[in-house]
Amino acid sequence: MSKRLKLDINLFGLKKIIDTKPQVQMSDFKSRARNVKNLFRIDDKKTFSGKTVLLIDDVYTSGSNITECSKQLIDSGAKNVLGLTLARAA
């Protein structure tokens, strides 16, 4: 599908570097934000420079994962970051 849409797919450019509790186990927004702070790393900042990036996450709980990933991507030079989640936690 990526070839047909002429899109690059990068599954490994943004890496989770610490094991943490699942976000759904956190009781409030502040705990969730702390849980993902500095959780992700980008090894090659040129990968996303000047590009529009679509982040796909399985479950939206508080938005902390997408927010933290977006910060990392913007700091690495991404032009735009869009988030898409497949489900929302109750």
C-alpha atoms as a PDB file:
ATOM      1  CA  MET A   1       0.000   0.000   0.000  1.00  0.00           C
ATOM      2  CA  SER A   2       2.865   2.402   0.762  1.00  0.00           C
ATOM      3  CA  LYS A   3       4.185   2.040  -2.801  1.00  0.00           C
ATOM      4  CA  ARG A   4       0.768   2.704  -4.272  1.00  0.00           C
ATOM      5  CA  LEU A   5       0.366   5.832  -2.120  1.00  0.00           C
ATOM      6  CA  LYS A   6       4.020   6.789  -2.644  1.00  0.00           C
ATOM      7  CA  LEU A   7       4.688   6.919   1.098  1.00  0.00           C
ATOM      8  CA  ASP A   8       7.774   5.959   3.069  1.00  0.00           C
ATOM      9  CA  ILE A   9       7.173   3.664   6.025  1.00  0.00           C
ATOM     10  CA  ASN A  10       9.648   3.693   8.895  1.00  0.00           C
ATOM     11  CA  LEU A  11       8.831   1.205  11.632  1.00  0.00           C
ATOM     12  CA  PHE A  12      12.077   1.581  13.565  1.00  0.00           C
ATOM     13  CA  GLY A  13      13.037   5.275  13.424  1.00  0.00           C
ATOM     14  CA  LEU A  14      11.415   6.043  16.773  1.00  0.00           C
ATOM     15  CA  LYS A  15      12.440   3.579  19.485  1.00  0.00           C
ATOM     16  CA  LYS A  16      11.073   2.881  22.937  1.00  0.00           C
ATOM     17  CA  ILE A  17      14.150   2.711  25.157  1.00  0.00           C
ATOM     18  CA  ILE A  18      12.671   1.912  28.599  1.00  0.00           C
ATOM     19  CA  ASP A  19      10.117  -0.690  29.695  1.00  0.00           C
ATOM     20  CA  THR A  20       7.240   0.956  31.558  1.00  0.00           C
ATOM     21  CA  LYS A  21       3.825   0.074  32.900  1.00  0.00           C
ATOM     22  CA  PRO A  22       1.026   0.175  30.314  1.00  0.00           C
ATOM     23  CA  GLN A  23      -0.650   3.586  30.227  1.00  0.00           C
ATOM     24  CA  VAL A  24      -4.029   2.052  30.984  1.00  0.00           C
ATOM     25  CA  GLN A  25      -2.680   1.094  34.452  1.00  0.00           C
ATOM     26  CA  MET A  26      -1.957   4.745  35.307  1.00  0.00           C
ATOM     27  CA  SER A  27      -4.650   6.506  37.305  1.00  0.00           C
ATOM     28  CA  ASP A  28      -4.313  10.097  36.072  1.00  0.00           C
ATOM     29  CA  PHE A  29      -2.930  12.289  33.296  1.00  0.00           C
ATOM     30  CA  LYS A  30       0.145  13.446  35.247  1.00  0.00           C
ATOM     31  CA  SER A  31       1.173   9.856  35.997  1.00  0.00           C
ATOM     32  CA  ARG A  32       0.775   8.928  32.345  1.00  0.00           C
ATOM     33  CA  ALA A  33       2.833  11.917  31.202  1.00  0.00           C
ATOM     34  CA  ARG A  34       5.629  11.041  33.667  1.00  0.00           C
ATOM     35  CA  ASN A  35       5.490   7.403  32.565  1.00  0.00           C
ATOM     36  CA  VAL A  36       6.411   8.302  28.965  1.00  0.00           C
ATOM     37  CA  LYS A  37       8.775  11.236  29.576  1.00  0.00           C
ATOM     38  CA  ASN A  38      12.024  10.565  27.662  1.00  0.00           C
ATOM     39  CA  LEU A  39      10.721   7.093  26.833  1.00  0.00           C
ATOM     40  CA  PHE A  40      11.448   7.339  23.108  1.00  0.00           C
ATOM     41  CA  ARG A  41      14.609   8.011  21.114  1.00  0.00           C
ATOM     42  CA  ILE A  42      15.354   8.838  17.495  1.00  0.00           C
ATOM     43  CA  ASP A  43      18.753   7.550  16.386  1.00  0.00           C
ATOM     44  CA  ASP A  44      19.008   9.324  13.023  1.00  0.00           C
ATOM     45  CA  LYS A  45      17.426  12.769  13.222  1.00  0.00           C
ATOM     46  CA  LYS A  46      17.779  13.241   9.438  1.00  0.00           C
ATOM     47  CA  THR A  47      15.208  10.482   8.930  1.00  0.00           C
ATOM     48  CA  PHE A  48      12.290  12.778   9.774  1.00  0.00           C
ATOM     49  CA  SER A  49      13.741  16.177   8.900  1.00  0.00           C
ATOM     50  CA  GLY A  50      11.299  18.253   6.840  1.00  0.00           C
ATOM     51  CA  LYS A  51       8.762  15.426   6.599  1.00  0.00           C
ATOM     52  CA  THR A  52       5.151  15.003   7.597  1.00  0.00           C
ATOM     53  CA  VAL A  53       4.899  12.016   9.946  1.00  0.00           C
ATOM     54  CA  LEU A  54       1.843   9.910  10.738  1.00  0.00           C
ATOM     55  CA  LEU A  55       2.084   8.187  14.131  1.00  0.00           C
ATOM     56  CA  ILE A  56      -0.149   5.151  14.579  1.00  0.00           C
ATOM     57  CA  ASP A  57      -0.898   3.878  18.084  1.00  0.00           C
ATOM     58  CA  ASP A  58      -3.115   0.967  19.040  1.00  0.00           C
ATOM     59  CA  VAL A  59      -5.013   2.465  21.999  1.00  0.00           C
ATOM     60  CA  TYR A  60      -5.621   6.089  22.993  1.00  0.00           C
ATOM     61  CA  THR A  61      -5.731   6.436  26.772  1.00  0.00           C
ATOM     62  CA  SER A  62      -4.575   9.980  27.560  1.00  0.00           C
ATOM     63  CA  GLY A  63      -2.634  10.971  24.456  1.00  0.00           C
ATOM     64  CA  SER A  64       0.654  10.921  26.378  1.00  0.00           C
ATOM     65  CA  ASN A  65       2.386   8.492  24.005  1.00  0.00           C
ATOM     66  CA  ILE A  66       1.521  10.453  20.882  1.00  0.00           C
ATOM     67  CA  THR A  67       2.366  13.742  22.611  1.00  0.00           C
ATOM     68  CA  GLU A  68       5.809  12.536  23.719  1.00  0.00           C
ATOM     69  CA  CYS A  69       6.566  10.972  20.328  1.00  0.00           C
ATOM     70  CA  SER A  70       5.441  14.162  18.594  1.00  0.00           C
ATOM     71  CA  LYS A  71       7.807  16.244  20.721  1.00  0.00           C
ATOM     72  CA  GLN A  72      10.713  13.979  19.789  1.00  0.00           C
ATOM     73  CA  LEU A  73       9.828  14.143  16.098  1.00  0.00           C
ATOM     74  CA  ILE A  74       9.405  17.931  16.045  1.00  0.00           C
ATOM     75  CA  ASP A  75      12.715  18.320  17.897  1.00  0.00           C
ATOM     76  CA  SER A  76      14.268  16.135  15.180  1.00  0.00           C
ATOM     77  CA  GLY A  77      13.013  18.447  12.449  1.00  0.00           C
ATOM     78  CA  ALA A  78       9.715  16.880  11.383  1.00  0.00           C
ATOM     79  CA  LYS A  79       7.575  19.409   9.516  1.00  0.00           C
ATOM     80  CA  ASN A  80       4.221  18.053  10.758  1.00  0.00           C
ATOM     81  CA  VAL A  81       3.180  15.212  13.039  1.00  0.00           C
ATOM     82  CA  LEU A  82      -0.264  13.626  12.832  1.00  0.00           C
ATOM     83  CA  GLY A  83      -1.617  11.022  15.244  1.00  0.00           C
ATOM     84  CA  LEU A  84      -3.964   8.134  14.531  1.00  0.00           C
ATOM     85  CA  THR A  85      -5.213   5.655  17.117  1.00  0.00           C
ATOM     86  CA  LEU A  86      -7.210   2.528  16.446  1.00  0.00           C
ATOM     87  CA  ALA A  87      -9.200   2.395  19.699  1.00  0.00           C
ATOM     88  CA  ARG A  88      -9.926   4.489  22.782  1.00  0.00           C
ATOM     89  CA  ALA A  89      -9.622   3.144  26.331  1.00  0.00           C
ATOM     90  CA  ALA A  90     -12.738   3.463  28.464  1.00  0.00           C
END
